[in-house]
């Protein structure tokens, strides 16, 4: 819904013996997350059945376990899964609870997705592969089928462990989205399902929830949490809940307003260690759909100033609540640029299942297509791109731990380009994305971030060039493709770009003449050269 790290070897050894290594914030920063909606990822039998998107499709934990090669093949080393607890059983006016967010019994796993043993097997297999598991948890409400007659007739005795009306707020509908009293104490979405709002300010509720999350994390060796609808629960509840879990947590705070989101992470409150980064999400979508990248640059600067740690935010362009990126713009090259930002920018990359297959579903439930319709195509362009991007990111982290400790430097943020340099000067990764689309013109531009005479490689085309006296490379842009450069020496001992060519001009798509492109390149080089000196 609008929802001290041990070494890898020790962590793996502990996973075999049934213990979970505590995965803290710093550990999670090095990870790259693939988000899974269990019912829509893979069935136990591997079948590719047709199903209605508002009903159960049959995905299971065992199905996911059987398909981990697909995810690991892209370079993802953490998986976020939908809630694991038992939900209501009924079909409703808004469909069945295939998504897992309509909790009824927190003490039991969801039989629709498998058994306790199946869930433990999934975690064991992930830890054998040195992969983390993040589980989505719902703490804002419990659910019952609703006849849409208010106030809802709720049988509180059916809820576990909150089996008494005293644990819940009296009914009122959330209508004031800027009023914290209203959106934290009233009930969400009163149609088809009554989401009884839990009184998370109650000491009894805090006690029950902290006991539950300790048991859940320890029983299943969970490495991290996503807290659904964190904005809608009592502020003081959140740090107590996270501390009790003993692991890193994303808390869903759905807002594009810097001060609204950053207050959850700033030092005075310290309510949450991390959040999905909606601050980037909105201006990034805007830039790819008729706008420019200027607001993205401004928003990032504001977030760095206001949030305690933007490097612990989850960078994303798709999730299970929002229309698919390609539903608004289905240009594959634009999708490549979006994927490049998600994995190469600051923060913890988070890719939602199906993004790598360029799924195009719109509003919920259309954005929750079964992944098996793609036949798990490992040759799909975005799958292959994610593979390359994750390799580059992991290699940069391996070469220099400082890669994850400082925010990146914005080199360009104009109408058509967003370029950043990340990492220390001797291990910089520079990327540029553009919104020019697959029909974009061919031109040259100068991009800084390196040192004089550095030999660099653009890792998507595997083409080399040499930085000039200002540390700039001559970028040969064309057909809207993103670009990522690293020092050539950083690729030694890797399988990234085993064959390297010499970079040069691309074929013009006809949008501008070669003379015009050259002139534009000279002007851009002059402007950006000055800008890099200022930065």
Protein backbone atom coordinates (compact mmCIF):
# COMPACT_ATOMS: atom_id res chain seq x y z
CA UNK A 1 0.00 0.00 0.00
CA UNK A 2 0.75 3.69 -0.14
CA UNK A 3 3.23 1.57 1.52
CA UNK A 4 28.04 -3.94 12.67
CA UNK A 5 28.00 -6.04 9.50
CA UNK A 6 29.86 -9.34 9.82
CA UNK A 7 31.92 -10.34 6.83
CA UNK A 8 30.18 -12.18 4.03
CA UNK A 9 31.88 -15.44 4.94
CA UNK A 10 30.83 -15.24 8.57
CA UNK A 11 27.31 -14.22 7.60
CA UNK A 12 27.04 -17.22 5.30
CA UNK A 13 28.37 -19.55 8.00
CA UNK A 14 25.89 -18.19 10.51
CA UNK A 15 23.03 -18.63 8.08
CA UNK A 16 23.86 -22.32 7.77
CA UNK A 17 23.70 -22.71 11.52
CA UNK A 18 20.35 -20.95 11.78
CA UNK A 19 21.54 -17.58 13.08
CA UNK A 20 21.00 -14.24 11.37
CA UNK A 21 23.79 -11.68 11.08
CA UNK A 22 22.52 -8.25 12.07
CA UNK A 23 22.18 -6.22 8.90
CA UNK A 24 22.48 -2.58 9.87
CA UNK A 25 22.17 0.58 7.82
CA UNK A 26 25.78 0.59 6.60
CA UNK A 27 25.47 -3.02 5.48
CA UNK A 28 22.30 -2.30 3.51
CA UNK A 29 23.88 0.65 1.69
CA UNK A 30 26.10 -1.76 -0.24
CA UNK A 31 23.11 -3.82 -1.36
CA UNK A 32 20.93 -3.63 -4.43
CA UNK A 33 17.29 -4.61 -3.87
CA UNK A 34 14.85 -6.44 -6.13
CA UNK A 35 11.25 -6.03 -4.97
CA UNK A 36 8.95 -9.04 -5.26
CA UNK A 37 5.20 -9.36 -4.91
CA UNK A 38 5.02 -13.04 -3.98
CA UNK A 39 1.68 -13.87 -5.62
CA UNK A 40 2.89 -12.47 -8.94
CA UNK A 41 6.52 -13.68 -9.17
CA UNK A 42 6.60 -17.47 -9.57
CA UNK A 43 4.37 -20.47 -8.80
CA UNK A 44 5.64 -23.60 -7.06
CA UNK A 45 4.94 -25.68 -10.17
CA UNK A 46 6.62 -23.12 -12.45
CA UNK A 47 3.36 -22.78 -14.35
CA UNK A 48 2.46 -19.79 -16.49
CA UNK A 49 -1.26 -19.56 -15.82
CA UNK A 50 -3.54 -16.72 -16.85
CA UNK A 51 -5.23 -14.94 -13.96
CA UNK A 52 -7.33 -11.93 -13.17
CA UNK A 53 -5.21 -9.20 -11.64
CA UNK A 54 -7.56 -8.59 -8.71
CA UNK A 55 -7.53 -12.29 -7.72
CA UNK A 56 -4.85 -14.69 -6.48
CA UNK A 57 -2.48 -15.84 -9.25
CA UNK A 58 -0.71 -18.54 -7.23
CA UNK A 59 2.82 -17.25 -6.63
CA UNK A 60 4.57 -18.77 -3.60
CA UNK A 61 7.72 -18.56 -1.50
CA UNK A 62 8.87 -21.85 -2.97
CA UNK A 63 8.30 -20.46 -6.45
CA UNK A 64 10.58 -17.56 -5.59
CA UNK A 65 13.21 -19.91 -4.15
CA UNK A 66 13.20 -21.83 -7.42
CA UNK A 67 13.81 -18.65 -9.42
CA UNK A 68 16.55 -16.96 -7.38
CA UNK A 69 19.04 -17.47 -10.23
CA UNK A 70 16.97 -15.05 -12.30
CA UNK A 71 17.31 -12.30 -9.70
CA UNK A 72 20.92 -13.00 -8.78
CA UNK A 73 21.77 -13.08 -12.48
CA UNK A 74 20.97 -9.37 -12.66
CA UNK A 75 23.37 -8.69 -9.79
CA UNK A 76 20.80 -8.04 -7.09
CA UNK A 77 21.94 -9.18 -3.65
CA UNK A 78 18.82 -8.37 -1.61
CA UNK A 79 15.15 -9.15 -2.08
CA UNK A 80 12.18 -7.28 -0.66
CA UNK A 81 9.05 -9.41 -0.41
CA UNK A 82 5.41 -8.58 0.27
CA UNK A 83 3.94 -9.23 3.75
CA UNK A 84 4.09 -12.80 5.06
CA UNK A 85 1.25 -12.89 7.62
CA UNK A 86 -2.21 -14.41 7.28
CA UNK A 87 -4.75 -12.12 5.64
CA UNK A 88 -8.52 -12.13 5.42
CA UNK A 89 -9.95 -14.95 3.28
CA UNK A 90 -12.82 -13.22 1.50
CA UNK A 91 -13.11 -11.78 -1.96
CA UNK A 92 -14.14 -8.13 -1.69
CA UNK A 93 -15.46 -5.30 -3.82
CA UNK A 94 -11.83 -4.40 -4.52
CA UNK A 95 -10.59 -7.95 -5.09
CA UNK A 96 -8.78 -10.63 -3.13
CA UNK A 97 -5.87 -10.04 -0.71
CA UNK A 98 -3.26 -11.45 -3.12
CA UNK A 99 -0.90 -8.59 -2.16
CA UNK A 100 -0.72 -9.44 1.56
CA UNK A 101 -1.56 -6.04 3.05
CA UNK A 102 -4.91 -6.98 4.62
CA UNK A 103 -3.66 -8.63 7.82
CA UNK A 104 -5.95 -10.60 10.10
CA UNK A 105 -3.55 -12.80 12.09
CA UNK A 106 0.03 -11.70 12.72
CA UNK A 107 0.83 -14.92 14.56
CA UNK A 108 0.43 -17.13 11.46
CA UNK A 109 2.12 -17.09 8.06
CA UNK A 110 -0.04 -16.70 4.98
CA UNK A 111 -1.02 -20.20 3.78
CA UNK A 112 -1.63 -18.82 0.28
CA UNK A 113 2.13 -18.33 -0.08
CA UNK A 114 3.29 -21.54 1.60
CA UNK A 115 4.31 -22.93 4.96
CA UNK A 116 6.69 -21.78 7.67
CA UNK A 117 9.16 -24.32 6.32
CA UNK A 118 8.86 -22.84 2.82
CA UNK A 119 9.63 -19.36 4.13
CA UNK A 120 12.60 -20.63 6.13
CA UNK A 121 13.87 -22.49 3.08
CA UNK A 122 13.71 -19.25 1.07
CA UNK A 123 15.73 -17.39 3.70
CA UNK A 124 18.28 -20.18 4.00
CA UNK A 125 18.80 -20.22 0.24
CA UNK A 126 19.17 -16.45 0.12
CA UNK A 127 21.78 -16.49 2.89
CA UNK A 128 23.71 -19.29 1.17
CA UNK A 129 23.98 -16.90 -1.76
CA UNK A 130 25.00 -13.99 0.53
CA UNK A 131 21.74 -12.24 -0.27
CA UNK A 132 19.58 -10.31 2.19
CA UNK A 133 15.86 -10.58 2.80
CA UNK A 134 13.69 -7.56 3.51
CA UNK A 135 10.10 -8.27 4.56
CA UNK A 136 7.23 -5.83 4.23
CA UNK A 137 5.26 -5.43 7.47
CA UNK A 138 1.92 -3.80 8.15
CA UNK A 139 1.60 -1.98 11.49
CA UNK A 140 -1.01 0.64 10.67
CA UNK A 141 -4.12 -1.51 10.49
CA UNK A 142 -5.88 -4.86 10.53
CA UNK A 143 -8.48 -5.70 7.89
CA UNK A 144 -12.01 -7.07 7.49
CA UNK A 145 -14.39 -7.23 4.57
CA UNK A 146 -16.57 -4.10 4.48
CA UNK A 147 -20.11 -3.65 3.19
CA UNK A 148 -19.46 0.07 2.68
CA UNK A 149 -21.99 1.05 5.33
CA UNK A 150 -20.36 3.39 7.84
CA UNK A 151 -19.33 3.09 10.52
CA UNK A 152 -17.84 -0.31 9.61
CA UNK A 153 -19.16 -3.31 11.56
CA UNK A 154 -15.89 -4.86 12.71
CA UNK A 155 -15.55 -8.05 14.74
CA UNK A 156 -12.36 -7.20 16.61
CA UNK A 157 -12.21 -10.67 18.21
CA UNK A 158 -11.02 -12.06 14.84
CA UNK A 159 -7.77 -10.11 14.96
CA UNK A 160 -4.57 -11.59 16.41
CA UNK A 161 -2.98 -10.42 18.63
CA UNK A 162 -5.10 -7.25 18.66
CA UNK A 163 -8.37 -8.98 19.51
CA UNK A 164 -10.12 -6.13 21.32
CA UNK A 165 -11.58 -2.81 20.21
CA UNK A 166 -9.39 -1.05 22.79
CA UNK A 167 -6.39 -1.51 20.51
CA UNK A 168 -7.94 0.59 17.72
CA UNK A 169 -8.89 4.17 17.01
CA UNK A 170 -12.57 4.97 16.74
CA UNK A 171 -13.73 5.14 13.14
CA UNK A 172 -13.08 8.22 11.05
CA UNK A 173 -11.92 8.44 7.46
CA UNK A 174 -8.58 10.04 6.52
CA UNK A 175 -9.49 13.24 4.70
CA UNK A 176 -6.84 15.75 5.80
CA UNK A 177 -3.55 14.62 4.30
CA UNK A 178 -1.59 17.54 5.79
CA UNK A 179 -3.03 17.06 9.30
CA UNK A 180 -0.99 14.46 11.20
CA UNK A 181 -3.71 13.89 13.79
CA UNK A 182 -6.13 13.00 11.01
CA UNK A 183 -3.87 10.86 8.85
CA UNK A 184 -2.35 9.01 11.84
CA UNK A 185 -5.54 8.37 13.84
CA UNK A 186 -8.17 7.86 11.14
CA UNK A 187 -8.78 4.88 8.84
CA UNK A 188 -7.39 4.54 5.31
CA UNK A 189 -9.38 3.66 2.18
CA UNK A 190 -12.85 2.79 3.53
CA UNK A 191 -14.20 0.91 0.49
CA UNK A 192 -14.54 -2.85 0.15
CA UNK A 193 -12.19 -3.46 3.06
CA UNK A 194 -12.29 -1.84 6.48
CA UNK A 195 -8.74 -1.07 7.56
CA UNK A 196 -9.16 -0.76 11.32
CA UNK A 197 -6.55 1.76 12.44
CA UNK A 198 -4.30 0.44 15.22
CA UNK A 199 -3.66 2.71 18.19
CA UNK A 200 0.14 2.68 17.90
CA UNK A 201 0.50 5.30 20.64
CA UNK A 202 -0.88 2.78 23.17
CA UNK A 203 1.79 1.17 25.44
CA UNK A 204 -0.05 -2.16 25.20
CA UNK A 205 0.08 -2.01 21.39
CA UNK A 206 3.78 -1.13 21.47
CA UNK A 207 4.46 -4.11 23.75
CA UNK A 208 2.57 -6.54 21.50
CA UNK A 209 4.14 -5.20 18.31
CA UNK A 210 7.71 -5.22 19.64
CA UNK A 211 7.33 -8.81 20.85
CA UNK A 212 5.88 -9.83 17.48
CA UNK A 213 8.61 -8.23 15.38
CA UNK A 214 11.39 -9.69 17.55
CA UNK A 215 9.87 -13.15 17.08
CA UNK A 216 9.34 -12.70 13.33
CA UNK A 217 12.89 -11.48 12.67
CA UNK A 218 14.53 -14.15 14.84
CA UNK A 219 12.34 -17.04 13.65
CA UNK A 220 12.94 -16.37 9.97
CA UNK A 221 16.41 -14.72 10.15
CA UNK A 222 15.11 -11.58 8.41
CA UNK A 223 17.71 -8.96 7.47
CA UNK A 224 15.55 -5.88 6.98
CA UNK A 225 12.03 -4.48 7.03
CA UNK A 226 9.86 -2.24 4.92
CA UNK A 227 7.24 -0.63 7.16
CA UNK A 228 4.09 -0.07 5.14
CA UNK A 229 2.27 3.24 5.60
CA UNK A 230 4.80 4.44 8.20
CA UNK A 231 3.52 7.98 7.77
CA UNK A 232 0.13 6.88 9.15
CA UNK A 233 1.30 5.55 12.51
CA UNK A 234 2.29 7.41 15.65
CA UNK A 235 5.74 9.01 15.32
CA UNK A 236 7.12 7.70 18.61
CA UNK A 237 6.12 4.14 17.72
CA UNK A 238 8.51 3.90 14.78
CA UNK A 239 11.95 4.06 16.50
CA UNK A 240 10.76 1.65 19.21
CA UNK A 241 9.58 -0.82 16.57
CA UNK A 242 12.79 -0.55 14.52
CA UNK A 243 14.98 -0.93 17.60
CA UNK A 244 13.04 -4.02 18.69
CA UNK A 245 13.53 -5.61 15.26
CA UNK A 246 17.31 -5.21 15.45
CA UNK A 247 17.60 -4.71 11.67
CA UNK A 248 17.55 -1.91 9.11
CA UNK A 249 14.19 -0.60 8.00
CA UNK A 250 12.67 1.41 5.22
CA UNK A 251 9.56 3.25 6.36
CA UNK A 252 7.08 4.21 3.66
CA UNK A 253 6.51 7.98 3.84
CA UNK A 254 4.67 8.86 0.68
CA UNK A 255 5.45 12.51 0.06
CA UNK A 256 7.44 14.57 -2.39
CA UNK A 257 7.91 17.40 0.11
CA UNK A 258 11.45 17.52 1.50
CA UNK A 259 10.61 18.72 5.00
CA UNK A 260 7.79 16.18 5.36
CA UNK A 261 10.03 13.22 4.53
CA UNK A 262 13.32 14.36 6.06
CA UNK A 263 11.75 15.01 9.47
CA UNK A 264 11.52 11.21 9.87
CA UNK A 265 15.27 10.86 9.47
CA UNK A 266 16.75 14.04 10.89
CA UNK A 267 18.86 13.88 14.04
CA UNK A 268 16.36 15.59 16.35
CA UNK A 269 13.69 12.91 15.75
CA UNK A 270 15.53 9.92 14.25
CA UNK A 271 12.25 8.11 13.62
CA UNK A 272 13.46 5.93 10.73
CA UNK A 273 16.87 4.86 9.38
CA UNK A 274 15.71 4.84 5.75
CA UNK A 275 12.77 5.39 3.41
CA UNK A 276 11.88 4.79 -0.23
CA UNK A 277 13.05 7.99 -1.92
CA UNK A 278 9.89 9.67 -3.14
CA UNK A 279 11.80 12.97 -3.18
CA UNK A 280 13.68 11.74 -6.27
CA UNK A 281 10.76 9.75 -7.67
CA UNK A 282 8.52 12.68 -8.57
CA UNK A 283 11.03 15.03 -10.28
CA UNK A 284 12.65 12.07 -12.05
CA UNK A 285 9.32 11.09 -13.57
CA UNK A 286 8.68 14.73 -14.45
CA UNK A 287 12.03 14.99 -16.25
CA UNK A 288 11.24 11.97 -18.42
CA UNK A 289 7.73 13.10 -19.27
CA UNK A 290 8.00 16.56 -20.75
CA UNK A 291 10.02 18.36 -18.08
CA UNK A 292 13.70 18.86 -17.39
CA UNK A 293 16.22 17.70 -14.81
CA UNK A 294 16.65 21.05 -13.06
CA UNK A 295 14.14 20.23 -10.31
CA UNK A 296 15.80 16.86 -9.67
CA UNK A 297 19.10 18.67 -9.03
CA UNK A 298 17.42 21.14 -6.71
CA UNK A 299 15.53 18.44 -4.82
CA UNK A 300 18.66 16.38 -4.28
CA UNK A 301 20.49 19.40 -2.82
CA UNK A 302 17.57 20.13 -0.49
CA UNK A 303 17.43 16.51 0.68
CA UNK A 304 21.18 16.41 1.42
CA UNK A 305 20.74 19.51 3.56
CA UNK A 306 17.57 18.33 5.34
CA UNK A 307 17.83 14.56 5.72
CA UNK A 308 20.32 12.93 8.06
CA UNK A 309 21.50 10.36 5.50
CA UNK A 310 20.25 10.37 1.91
CA UNK A 311 22.55 7.41 1.22
CA UNK A 312 20.13 5.26 3.27
CA UNK A 313 17.15 6.15 1.07
CA UNK A 314 15.87 3.63 -1.45
CA UNK A 315 16.18 4.94 -5.02
CA UNK A 316 13.38 3.72 -7.28
CA UNK A 317 11.31 4.55 -10.34
CA UNK A 318 8.69 1.79 -9.95
CA UNK A 319 6.90 0.04 -7.11
CA UNK A 320 3.66 -1.87 -6.53
CA UNK A 321 1.67 1.28 -5.70
CA UNK A 322 2.53 3.48 -8.65
CA UNK A 323 1.72 3.07 -12.35
CA UNK A 324 4.56 1.43 -14.26
CA UNK A 325 7.12 3.87 -15.65
CA UNK A 326 6.48 2.56 -19.17
CA UNK A 327 2.73 3.17 -18.81
CA UNK A 328 3.53 6.87 -19.11
CA UNK A 329 6.42 6.62 -21.57
CA UNK A 330 7.08 3.29 -23.25
CA UNK A 331 10.28 4.36 -25.06
CA UNK A 332 12.78 1.63 -24.14
CA UNK A 333 15.73 4.01 -24.25
CA UNK A 334 14.04 6.33 -21.75
CA UNK A 335 13.55 3.27 -19.51
CA UNK A 336 17.29 2.56 -19.81
CA UNK A 337 18.04 6.05 -18.54
CA UNK A 338 15.64 5.59 -15.62
CA UNK A 339 17.22 2.24 -14.70
CA UNK A 340 20.67 3.84 -14.88
CA UNK A 341 19.67 6.53 -12.39
CA UNK A 342 18.12 4.02 -9.99
CA UNK A 343 21.22 1.82 -9.78
CA UNK A 344 24.02 4.39 -10.18
CA UNK A 345 22.74 7.36 -8.15
CA UNK A 346 23.06 7.79 -4.40
CA UNK A 347 21.01 5.53 -2.17
CA UNK A 348 20.02 1.87 -2.14
CA UNK A 349 18.88 0.79 -5.61
CA UNK A 350 15.40 -0.74 -5.58
CA UNK A 351 13.96 -2.34 -8.72
CA UNK A 352 10.40 -3.67 -8.78
CA UNK A 353 9.77 -7.01 -10.46
CA UNK A 354 8.86 -6.55 -14.12
CA UNK A 355 10.71 -3.26 -14.52
CA UNK A 356 13.56 -5.23 -16.11
CA UNK A 357 11.03 -6.67 -18.58
CA UNK A 358 9.63 -3.23 -19.48
CA UNK A 359 6.16 -4.01 -18.16
CA UNK A 360 3.64 -1.28 -18.94
CA UNK A 361 0.78 -1.72 -16.45
CA UNK A 362 -1.00 1.39 -15.20
CA UNK A 363 -2.91 1.95 -11.98
CA UNK A 364 -3.29 -0.86 -9.42
CA UNK A 365 -3.82 -3.76 -10.06
CA UNK A 366 -2.54 -3.37 -13.64
CA UNK A 367 0.93 -2.61 -12.27
CA UNK A 368 1.05 -6.04 -10.61
CA UNK A 369 1.34 -8.30 -13.65
CA UNK A 370 2.56 -11.90 -13.15
CA UNK A 371 6.24 -12.00 -14.05
CA UNK A 372 5.89 -15.38 -15.73
CA UNK A 373 4.26 -13.67 -18.74
CA UNK A 374 7.80 -12.48 -19.59
CA UNK A 375 9.09 -16.07 -19.47
CA UNK A 376 11.84 -14.66 -17.23
CA UNK A 377 13.73 -13.42 -20.29
CA UNK A 378 17.40 -12.96 -19.33
CA UNK A 379 18.17 -11.41 -22.72
CA UNK A 380 15.73 -8.52 -22.30
CA UNK A 381 17.57 -5.19 -22.77
CA UNK A 382 16.74 -3.84 -19.32
CA UNK A 383 17.70 -7.14 -17.66
CA UNK A 384 21.10 -7.01 -19.39
CA UNK A 385 21.51 -3.33 -18.48
CA UNK A 386 20.72 -3.97 -14.81
CA UNK A 387 23.33 -6.74 -14.88
CA UNK A 388 25.98 -4.31 -16.16
CA UNK A 389 25.02 -1.50 -13.80
CA UNK A 390 25.11 -3.73 -10.73
CA UNK A 391 28.54 -5.03 -11.76
CA UNK A 392 29.88 -1.49 -12.09
CA UNK A 393 28.41 -0.44 -8.74
CA UNK A 394 29.74 -3.52 -6.91
CA UNK A 395 33.17 -3.07 -8.48
CA UNK A 396 33.29 0.58 -7.36
CA UNK A 397 32.37 -0.45 -3.80
CA UNK A 398 35.02 -3.17 -3.84
CA UNK A 399 37.69 -0.77 -5.12
CA UNK A 400 36.90 1.86 -2.49
CA UNK A 401 34.67 1.60 0.61
CA UNK A 402 34.45 5.41 0.50
CA UNK A 403 32.23 5.03 -2.55
CA UNK A 404 29.27 4.60 -0.20
CA UNK A 405 30.24 7.21 2.38
CA UNK A 406 29.79 10.49 0.52
CA UNK A 407 27.01 11.88 -1.60
CA UNK A 408 27.67 12.22 -5.29
CA UNK A 409 28.47 15.49 -7.04
CA UNK A 410 26.04 16.88 -9.59
CA UNK A 411 27.96 17.89 -12.72
CA UNK A 412 25.03 18.82 -14.95
CA UNK A 413 21.32 19.28 -14.31
CA UNK A 414 19.70 20.96 -17.31
CA UNK A 415 16.64 20.40 -19.45
CA UNK A 416 17.98 17.32 -21.22
CA UNK A 417 20.80 15.95 -19.08
CA UNK A 418 21.57 14.88 -15.54
CA UNK A 419 25.20 13.92 -14.85
CA UNK A 420 26.85 12.93 -11.58
CA UNK A 421 30.25 11.91 -10.29
CA UNK A 422 30.26 9.43 -7.43
CA UNK A 423 33.15 8.10 -5.38
CA UNK A 424 36.67 9.39 -4.59
CA UNK A 425 38.66 11.05 -7.37
CA UNK A 426 40.84 7.99 -7.96
CA UNK A 427 37.79 5.71 -8.25
CA UNK A 428 35.11 7.94 -9.72
CA UNK A 429 32.06 6.65 -11.54
CA UNK A 430 30.49 9.29 -13.75
CA UNK A 431 27.13 8.84 -15.39
CA UNK A 432 24.88 10.92 -17.61
CA UNK A 433 21.24 10.28 -18.32
CA UNK A 434 19.12 12.10 -20.86
CA UNK A 435 15.44 12.45 -21.73
CA UNK A 436 15.99 12.78 -25.48
CA UNK A 437 14.50 9.31 -26.19
CA UNK A 438 15.49 6.79 -28.84
CA UNK A 439 14.87 9.49 -31.50
CA UNK A 440 17.42 11.82 -29.93
CA UNK A 441 20.05 13.57 -32.04
CA UNK A 442 23.78 12.86 -32.18
CA UNK A 443 26.09 15.42 -30.62
CA UNK A 444 29.16 15.85 -28.43
CA UNK A 445 29.38 17.30 -24.94
CA UNK A 446 32.09 17.57 -22.30
CA UNK A 447 31.56 15.87 -18.95
CA UNK A 448 33.92 16.31 -15.97
CA UNK A 449 34.63 14.21 -12.92
CA UNK A 450 38.09 12.84 -13.77
CA UNK A 451 41.72 13.99 -13.71
CA UNK A 452 43.96 15.22 -16.50
CA UNK A 453 44.92 12.34 -18.85
CA UNK A 454 42.81 9.70 -17.06
CA UNK A 455 42.06 6.80 -19.39
CA UNK A 456 38.36 6.03 -19.02
CA UNK A 457 35.88 3.53 -20.44
CA UNK A 458 32.20 4.08 -21.16
CA UNK A 459 30.91 0.76 -19.86
CA UNK A 460 27.71 0.39 -21.90
CA UNK A 461 29.44 0.76 -25.27
CA UNK A 462 32.83 -0.42 -23.89
CA UNK A 463 34.56 2.47 -25.67
CA UNK A 464 37.65 4.21 -24.26
CA UNK A 465 38.76 7.84 -24.26
CA UNK A 466 41.16 10.14 -22.40
CA UNK A 467 40.20 13.00 -20.11
CA UNK A 468 41.51 16.44 -21.02
CA UNK A 469 43.42 18.94 -18.88
CA UNK A 470 40.23 19.81 -16.98
CA UNK A 471 39.44 16.16 -16.30
CA UNK A 472 36.63 16.15 -18.83
CA UNK A 473 35.75 13.42 -21.29
CA UNK A 474 34.24 14.07 -24.69
CA UNK A 475 30.87 12.36 -24.60
CA UNK A 476 29.54 11.16 -27.93
CA UNK A 477 25.81 11.23 -27.33
CA UNK A 478 23.22 9.72 -29.60
CA UNK A 479 19.80 8.03 -29.77
CA UNK A 480 19.11 9.04 -26.18
CA UNK A 481 21.40 6.40 -24.67
CA UNK A 482 22.72 6.81 -21.09
CA UNK A 483 26.45 6.89 -20.47
CA UNK A 484 28.61 5.60 -17.57
CA UNK A 485 32.36 6.15 -17.38
CA UNK A 486 34.96 4.60 -15.07
CA UNK A 487 38.74 4.67 -15.09
CA UNK A 488 40.11 1.93 -17.34
CA UNK A 489 42.36 0.70 -14.53
CA UNK A 490 39.26 0.05 -12.36
CA UNK A 491 38.13 -2.67 -14.79
CA UNK A 492 41.24 -4.80 -14.45
CA UNK A 493 40.40 -8.24 -13.09
CA UNK A 494 36.69 -7.90 -13.88
CA UNK A 495 34.49 -9.19 -16.69
CA UNK A 496 33.18 -5.69 -17.40
CA UNK A 497 34.04 -4.72 -20.99
CA UNK A 498 36.46 -7.56 -21.89
CA UNK A 499 36.78 -5.97 -25.34
CA UNK A 500 37.33 -2.23 -25.47
CA UNK A 501 37.17 -0.03 -28.57
CA UNK A 502 38.04 3.64 -29.08
CA UNK A 503 35.17 6.05 -28.54
CA UNK A 504 34.07 8.31 -31.38
CA UNK A 505 31.09 10.07 -32.96
CA UNK A 506 27.82 8.19 -33.35
CA UNK A 507 25.71 8.07 -36.49
CA UNK A 508 23.42 11.07 -36.61
CA UNK A 509 19.71 10.31 -36.39
CA UNK A 510 19.07 13.30 -38.66
CA UNK A 511 17.78 15.60 -35.95
CA UNK A 512 20.74 18.01 -36.35
CA UNK A 513 23.51 18.39 -38.87
CA UNK A 514 27.07 17.34 -38.07
CA UNK A 515 28.08 21.00 -38.21
CA UNK A 516 25.28 21.96 -35.84
CA UNK A 517 26.19 19.17 -33.47
CA UNK A 518 29.83 20.23 -33.47
CA UNK A 519 28.88 23.82 -32.73
CA UNK A 520 26.60 22.73 -29.92
CA UNK A 521 29.40 20.57 -28.56
CA UNK A 522 31.84 23.48 -28.47
CA UNK A 523 29.32 25.68 -26.68
CA UNK A 524 28.42 22.92 -24.20
CA UNK A 525 32.10 22.21 -23.53
CA UNK A 526 32.74 25.88 -22.77
CA UNK A 527 29.76 26.17 -20.47
CA UNK A 528 30.38 22.92 -18.65
CA UNK A 529 34.11 23.59 -18.35
CA UNK A 530 33.30 26.77 -16.45
CA UNK A 531 30.68 24.96 -14.38
CA UNK A 532 33.11 22.23 -13.38
CA UNK A 533 35.59 24.82 -12.17
CA UNK A 534 32.89 26.45 -10.08
CA UNK A 535 31.86 23.09 -8.61
